[in-house]
Amino acid sequence: MDRNSRCLSIGILMLVAGLSGSPALAQGRGHEGRKPDEAKPKVTVQVAVSTAKDVLVRLGYEVVRVEPKDTYEIIYYRAGNRGRGRGQGPPARMIIRRVEDRIVLEDAPEQVRVELGVRLAIRL
């Protein structure tokens, strides 16, 4: 055997020995956070409202006021100036209410819905 073939065979043997002797690195670690039988924490209307206000401001809207009602809250908002000198947009409203065990948004822009779903880790 010449030197190149010997080095190649030693390299292959080392590779095979290294792969067979070590545990697989891509194996999952199981459920580390919650146990499988634990329920997800409930999202309250107050948490959803404060998150919605943050999302609206981040997307360039101005929150005018928040009115709490019996079982729901109304957020009044409008488009901000956005630096173009055209003033602010007309006021709009978004209703956040709780139905059974989930949060429902009414009259919310699609961009706000998506961002809220991601931030609260819920499906709207």
C-alpha atoms as a PDB file:
ATOM      1  CA  MET A   1       0.000   0.000   0.000  1.00  0.00           C
ATOM      2  CA  ASP A   2       1.279   3.389  -0.797  1.00  0.00           C
ATOM      3  CA  ARG A   3       1.099   6.325   1.566  1.00  0.00           C
ATOM      4  CA  ASN A   4      -1.986   8.055   0.070  1.00  0.00           C
ATOM      5  CA  SER A   5      -4.226   5.005   0.221  1.00  0.00           C
ATOM      6  CA  ARG A   6      -3.092   4.271   3.796  1.00  0.00           C
ATOM      7  CA  CYS A   7      -3.926   7.848   4.900  1.00  0.00           C
ATOM      8  CA  LEU A   8      -7.287   7.620   3.175  1.00  0.00           C
ATOM      9  CA  SER A   9      -8.168   4.320   4.871  1.00  0.00           C
ATOM     10  CA  ILE A  10      -7.079   5.644   8.282  1.00  0.00           C
ATOM     11  CA  GLY A  11      -9.170   8.781   7.733  1.00  0.00           C
ATOM     12  CA  ILE A  12     -12.247   6.718   6.825  1.00  0.00           C
ATOM     13  CA  LEU A  13     -11.771   4.498   9.882  1.00  0.00           C
ATOM     14  CA  MET A  14     -11.500   7.541  12.146  1.00  0.00           C
ATOM     15  CA  LEU A  15     -14.634   9.062  10.619  1.00  0.00           C
ATOM     16  CA  VAL A  16     -16.657   5.871  11.050  1.00  0.00           C
ATOM     17  CA  ALA A  17     -15.420   5.408  14.630  1.00  0.00           C
ATOM     18  CA  GLY A  18     -16.225   9.026  15.476  1.00  0.00           C
ATOM     19  CA  LEU A  19     -19.763   8.848  14.122  1.00  0.00           C
ATOM     20  CA  SER A  20     -20.680   5.516  15.662  1.00  0.00           C
ATOM     21  CA  GLY A  21     -19.276   6.260  19.119  1.00  0.00           C
ATOM     22  CA  SER A  22     -20.839   9.687  19.743  1.00  0.00           C
ATOM     23  CA  PRO A  23     -24.502  10.320  20.494  1.00  0.00           C
ATOM     24  CA  ALA A  24     -26.534  12.087  17.836  1.00  0.00           C
ATOM     25  CA  LEU A  25     -26.372  15.834  18.313  1.00  0.00           C
ATOM     26  CA  ALA A  26     -29.720  16.567  16.680  1.00  0.00           C
ATOM     27  CA  GLN A  27     -31.827  14.683  19.168  1.00  0.00           C
ATOM     28  CA  GLY A  28     -34.499  16.697  20.932  1.00  0.00           C
ATOM     29  CA  ARG A  29     -34.395  17.434  24.604  1.00  0.00           C
ATOM     30  CA  GLY A  30     -38.060  16.848  25.337  1.00  0.00           C
ATOM     31  CA  HIS A  31     -40.417  19.267  27.048  1.00  0.00           C
ATOM     32  CA  GLU A  32     -38.212  21.432  29.208  1.00  0.00           C
ATOM     33  CA  GLY A  33     -40.548  24.367  29.804  1.00  0.00           C
ATOM     34  CA  ARG A  34     -44.062  23.129  30.538  1.00  0.00           C
ATOM     35  CA  LYS A  35     -45.034  19.611  31.308  1.00  0.00           C
ATOM     36  CA  PRO A  36     -47.297  18.107  28.622  1.00  0.00           C
ATOM     37  CA  ASP A  37     -50.325  17.977  30.922  1.00  0.00           C
ATOM     38  CA  GLU A  38     -50.038  21.635  31.970  1.00  0.00           C
ATOM     39  CA  ALA A  39     -52.340  24.122  30.263  1.00  0.00           C
ATOM     40  CA  LYS A  40     -51.062  27.255  28.568  1.00  0.00           C
ATOM     41  CA  PRO A  41     -51.423  30.382  30.688  1.00  0.00           C
ATOM     42  CA  LYS A  42     -54.553  32.340  29.827  1.00  0.00           C
ATOM     43  CA  VAL A  43     -54.182  35.706  28.140  1.00  0.00           C
ATOM     44  CA  THR A  44     -56.312  38.337  29.840  1.00  0.00           C
ATOM     45  CA  VAL A  45     -57.997  41.263  28.121  1.00  0.00           C
ATOM     46  CA  GLN A  46     -55.766  43.709  30.001  1.00  0.00           C
ATOM     47  CA  VAL A  47     -52.598  42.006  28.734  1.00  0.00           C
ATOM     48  CA  ALA A  48     -54.006  41.968  25.199  1.00  0.00           C
ATOM     49  CA  VAL A  49     -54.879  45.687  25.407  1.00  0.00           C
ATOM     50  CA  SER A  50     -51.443  46.746  26.626  1.00  0.00           C
ATOM     51  CA  THR A  51     -49.775  44.605  23.948  1.00  0.00           C
ATOM     52  CA  ALA A  52     -52.119  46.015  21.285  1.00  0.00           C
ATOM     53  CA  LYS A  53     -51.205  49.557  22.323  1.00  0.00           C
ATOM     54  CA  ASP A  54     -47.496  48.724  21.999  1.00  0.00           C
ATOM     55  CA  VAL A  55     -48.053  47.125  18.585  1.00  0.00           C
ATOM     56  CA  LEU A  56     -50.099  50.080  17.305  1.00  0.00           C
ATOM     57  CA  VAL A  57     -47.429  52.576  18.367  1.00  0.00           C
ATOM     58  CA  ARG A  58     -44.670  50.456  16.830  1.00  0.00           C
ATOM     59  CA  LEU A  59     -46.558  50.288  13.519  1.00  0.00           C
ATOM     60  CA  GLY A  60     -46.924  54.074  13.370  1.00  0.00           C
ATOM     61  CA  TYR A  61     -50.408  54.558  14.783  1.00  0.00           C
ATOM     62  CA  GLU A  62     -51.352  56.949  17.571  1.00  0.00           C
ATOM     63  CA  VAL A  63     -53.503  55.571  20.393  1.00  0.00           C
ATOM     64  CA  VAL A  64     -56.170  58.169  21.196  1.00  0.00           C
ATOM     65  CA  ARG A  65     -57.910  56.501  24.147  1.00  0.00           C
ATOM     66  CA  VAL A  66     -58.974  53.184  25.649  1.00  0.00           C
ATOM     67  CA  GLU A  67     -62.520  52.710  26.958  1.00  0.00           C
ATOM     68  CA  PRO A  68     -63.251  49.748  29.226  1.00  0.00           C
ATOM     69  CA  LYS A  69     -66.777  48.343  28.924  1.00  0.00           C
ATOM     70  CA  ASP A  70     -68.435  45.419  30.719  1.00  0.00           C
ATOM     71  CA  THR A  71     -66.599  42.456  29.195  1.00  0.00           C
ATOM     72  CA  TYR A  72     -64.549  44.131  26.474  1.00  0.00           C
ATOM     73  CA  GLU A  73     -62.361  47.155  25.810  1.00  0.00           C
ATOM     74  CA  ILE A  74     -62.358  49.578  22.889  1.00  0.00           C
ATOM     75  CA  ILE A  75     -59.102  51.082  21.647  1.00  0.00           C
ATOM     76  CA  TYR A  76     -59.447  54.256  19.587  1.00  0.00           C
ATOM     77  CA  TYR A  77     -56.448  54.932  17.357  1.00  0.00           C
ATOM     78  CA  ARG A  78     -55.490  56.783  14.188  1.00  0.00           C
ATOM     79  CA  ALA A  79     -52.654  56.871  11.715  1.00  0.00           C
ATOM     80  CA  GLY A  80     -49.751  58.980  12.881  1.00  0.00           C
ATOM     81  CA  ASN A  81     -48.140  61.810  10.927  1.00  0.00           C
ATOM     82  CA  ARG A  82     -45.428  59.588   9.376  1.00  0.00           C
ATOM     83  CA  GLY A  83     -43.363  62.667   8.532  1.00  0.00           C
ATOM     84  CA  ARG A  84     -45.100  63.652   5.307  1.00  0.00           C
ATOM     85  CA  GLY A  85     -46.896  66.774   6.509  1.00  0.00           C
ATOM     86  CA  ARG A  86     -50.368  65.432   5.728  1.00  0.00           C
ATOM     87  CA  GLY A  87     -51.654  65.382   9.281  1.00  0.00           C
ATOM     88  CA  GLN A  88     -53.105  62.403  11.074  1.00  0.00           C
ATOM     89  CA  GLY A  89     -55.603  59.923   9.775  1.00  0.00           C
ATOM     90  CA  PRO A  90     -59.247  59.611  10.774  1.00  0.00           C
ATOM     91  CA  PRO A  91     -59.979  57.907  14.098  1.00  0.00           C
ATOM     92  CA  ALA A  92     -60.684  54.184  14.012  1.00  0.00           C
ATOM     93  CA  ARG A  93     -61.537  51.683  16.702  1.00  0.00           C
ATOM     94  CA  MET A  94     -60.604  48.155  17.626  1.00  0.00           C
ATOM     95  CA  ILE A  95     -62.544  45.982  20.073  1.00  0.00           C
ATOM     96  CA  ILE A  96     -60.799  43.372  22.223  1.00  0.00           C
ATOM     97  CA  ARG A  97     -63.023  40.908  24.041  1.00  0.00           C
ATOM     98  CA  ARG A  98     -62.807  37.474  25.571  1.00  0.00           C
ATOM     99  CA  VAL A  99     -64.983  34.604  24.316  1.00  0.00           C
ATOM    100  CA  GLU A 100     -64.821  31.473  26.452  1.00  0.00           C
ATOM    101  CA  ASP A 101     -61.069  30.802  26.620  1.00  0.00           C
ATOM    102  CA  ARG A 102     -59.705  32.955  23.806  1.00  0.00           C
ATOM    103  CA  ILE A 103     -59.204  36.600  22.846  1.00  0.00           C
ATOM    104  CA  VAL A 104     -61.165  38.050  19.898  1.00  0.00           C
ATOM    105  CA  LEU A 105     -60.218  41.180  17.949  1.00  0.00           C
ATOM    106  CA  GLU A 106     -62.850  43.074  16.006  1.00  0.00           C
ATOM    107  CA  ASP A 107     -62.177  45.757  13.372  1.00  0.00           C
ATOM    108  CA  ALA A 108     -58.395  45.432  13.702  1.00  0.00           C
ATOM    109  CA  PRO A 109     -56.020  45.882  10.749  1.00  0.00           C
ATOM    110  CA  GLU A 110     -54.492  42.646   9.480  1.00  0.00           C
ATOM    111  CA  GLN A 111     -50.975  43.801  10.293  1.00  0.00           C
ATOM    112  CA  VAL A 112     -51.969  44.409  13.915  1.00  0.00           C
ATOM    113  CA  ARG A 113     -53.699  41.006  14.127  1.00  0.00           C
ATOM    114  CA  VAL A 114     -50.612  39.174  12.936  1.00  0.00           C
ATOM    115  CA  GLU A 115     -48.253  41.050  15.245  1.00  0.00           C
ATOM    116  CA  LEU A 116     -50.546  40.528  18.258  1.00  0.00           C
ATOM    117  CA  GLY A 117     -50.816  36.812  17.530  1.00  0.00           C
ATOM    118  CA  VAL A 118     -47.043  36.507  17.453  1.00  0.00           C
ATOM    119  CA  ARG A 119     -46.459  38.553  20.596  1.00  0.00           C
ATOM    120  CA  LEU A 120     -49.155  36.834  22.671  1.00  0.00           C
ATOM    121  CA  ALA A 121     -48.401  33.385  21.182  1.00  0.00           C
ATOM    122  CA  ILE A 122     -52.067  32.807  20.421  1.00  0.00           C
ATOM    123  CA  ARG A 123     -54.113  32.272  17.315  1.00  0.00           C
ATOM    124  CA  LEU A 124     -56.494  35.130  16.486  1.00  0.00           C
END
